[in-house]
Amino acid sequence: MKGDVRDIGIDVEAPETTCDDKNCPFHGRLVVRGMSLDGVVVSTKMDKTAIVERNYLRYVEKYERYEKRTSRYAVHNPPCLGVKVGDHVTIMECRPISKTVSFTIIGKG
């Protein structure tokens, strides 16, 4: 283990830098559980929060075809990961941090 980095129980690479964010899964006390999703960061304008967009296909039985769908998630952005707009990230479910934030970024790439 690198320094004081916590093992979050998921096979992801730990960040090189450290942070003092209490809601960081690696350096704070936030526990991750549940769903793990991949997406692209489309906005980082909020403080320690990012918007991640996920594109997927949904099957429509009536027409026997797929339709494209998009979901946008407000996720916690730990400062130690250094995430920018356009990065492909992995997000994972956690306890509710605020009214809209119930996911956190756990890895880039």
Protein backbone atom coordinates (compact mmCIF):
# COMPACT_ATOMS: atom_id res chain seq x y z
CA MET A 1 0.00 0.00 0.00
CA LYS A 2 1.14 3.52 -0.78
CA GLY A 3 1.43 5.63 2.36
CA ASP A 4 -1.94 6.16 4.04
CA VAL A 5 -4.10 5.00 1.12
CA ARG A 6 -7.07 2.89 2.18
CA ASP A 7 -7.98 -0.35 0.41
CA ILE A 8 -11.54 0.28 -0.87
CA GLY A 9 -12.14 -3.39 -1.75
CA ILE A 10 -12.31 -2.76 -5.51
CA ASP A 11 -9.53 -3.61 -7.97
CA VAL A 12 -8.65 -0.04 -9.04
CA GLU A 13 -5.36 1.82 -9.06
CA ALA A 14 -4.83 4.07 -6.02
CA PRO A 15 -4.07 7.75 -6.76
CA GLU A 16 -0.46 8.99 -6.58
CA THR A 17 -1.34 12.27 -4.82
CA THR A 18 -2.98 12.66 -1.42
CA CYS A 19 -5.87 14.81 -0.25
CA ASP A 20 -7.57 15.75 3.01
CA ASP A 21 -11.14 15.30 1.71
CA LYS A 22 -13.26 13.43 4.29
CA ASN A 23 -15.46 12.08 1.44
CA CYS A 24 -12.55 10.59 -0.53
CA PRO A 25 -12.81 6.78 -0.77
CA PHE A 26 -8.99 6.45 -0.66
CA HIS A 27 -7.97 9.06 1.97
CA GLY A 28 -11.24 9.73 3.83
CA ARG A 29 -13.98 7.68 5.42
CA LEU A 30 -16.39 7.23 2.48
CA VAL A 31 -17.38 3.59 1.85
CA VAL A 32 -18.27 2.50 -1.69
CA ARG A 33 -20.84 -0.22 -2.39
CA GLY A 34 -23.40 -1.25 -5.00
CA MET A 35 -23.28 -0.34 -8.67
CA SER A 36 -20.12 0.40 -10.64
CA LEU A 37 -20.54 2.34 -13.91
CA ASP A 38 -18.33 3.84 -16.62
CA GLY A 39 -18.85 7.26 -18.19
CA VAL A 40 -17.33 10.51 -19.44
CA VAL A 41 -16.92 13.69 -17.38
CA VAL A 42 -18.84 16.55 -19.04
CA SER A 43 -18.59 19.23 -16.32
CA THR A 44 -16.41 19.99 -13.29
CA LYS A 45 -17.75 23.48 -12.51
CA MET A 46 -19.01 22.61 -9.01
CA ASP A 47 -16.76 22.34 -5.96
CA LYS A 48 -15.67 18.67 -5.54
CA THR A 49 -18.57 17.55 -7.77
CA ALA A 50 -18.61 16.52 -11.43
CA ILE A 51 -21.27 15.55 -13.95
CA VAL A 52 -20.67 12.17 -15.60
CA GLU A 53 -22.59 11.15 -18.72
CA ARG A 54 -23.24 7.51 -19.60
CA ASN A 55 -24.49 6.37 -23.02
CA TYR A 56 -26.20 3.00 -23.40
CA LEU A 57 -28.61 1.09 -25.66
CA ARG A 58 -32.11 0.02 -24.61
CA TYR A 59 -34.06 -2.65 -26.48
CA VAL A 60 -37.62 -1.75 -27.60
CA GLU A 61 -39.61 -4.96 -28.03
CA LYS A 62 -42.39 -3.44 -30.13
CA TYR A 63 -40.01 -2.34 -32.90
CA GLU A 64 -37.34 -5.02 -32.30
CA ARG A 65 -34.65 -2.37 -32.29
CA TYR A 66 -32.33 -0.57 -29.91
CA GLU A 67 -32.55 3.09 -28.96
CA LYS A 68 -29.72 5.25 -27.68
CA ARG A 69 -30.16 6.64 -24.18
CA THR A 70 -28.10 8.96 -22.00
CA SER A 71 -27.92 9.27 -18.23
CA ARG A 72 -26.21 12.07 -16.32
CA TYR A 73 -24.98 11.52 -12.77
CA ALA A 74 -23.83 14.13 -10.26
CA VAL A 75 -20.80 12.46 -8.64
CA HIS A 76 -18.31 13.37 -5.92
CA ASN A 77 -14.93 14.31 -7.44
CA PRO A 78 -12.05 13.68 -4.99
CA PRO A 79 -9.24 16.24 -5.51
CA CYS A 80 -6.52 13.55 -5.43
CA LEU A 81 -7.69 12.04 -8.76
CA GLY A 82 -7.28 15.24 -10.82
CA VAL A 83 -10.23 14.57 -13.12
CA LYS A 84 -10.81 16.95 -16.06
CA VAL A 85 -13.61 17.36 -18.62
CA GLY A 86 -13.46 14.60 -21.24
CA ASP A 87 -11.85 11.96 -19.00
CA HIS A 88 -13.29 8.45 -19.03
CA VAL A 89 -13.98 7.51 -15.41
CA THR A 90 -15.35 4.68 -13.30
CA ILE A 91 -17.93 5.73 -10.72
CA MET A 92 -19.31 3.72 -7.84
CA GLU A 93 -22.32 4.05 -5.58
CA CYS A 94 -21.90 5.35 -2.03
CA ARG A 95 -24.07 6.79 0.72
CA PRO A 96 -25.88 10.04 -0.17
CA ILE A 97 -23.42 12.94 0.18
CA SER A 98 -25.97 15.58 -0.77
CA LYS A 99 -29.43 15.80 -2.33
CA THR A 100 -28.22 14.74 -5.80
CA VAL A 101 -24.83 13.10 -5.15
CA SER A 102 -24.87 9.36 -4.39
CA PHE A 103 -21.89 8.26 -6.52
CA THR A 104 -18.15 8.93 -6.33
CA ILE A 105 -15.32 8.66 -8.86
CA ILE A 106 -12.98 5.78 -8.07
CA GLY A 107 -10.72 5.71 -11.14
CA LYS A 108 -9.71 7.22 -14.46
CA GLY A 109 -9.18 5.47 -17.75
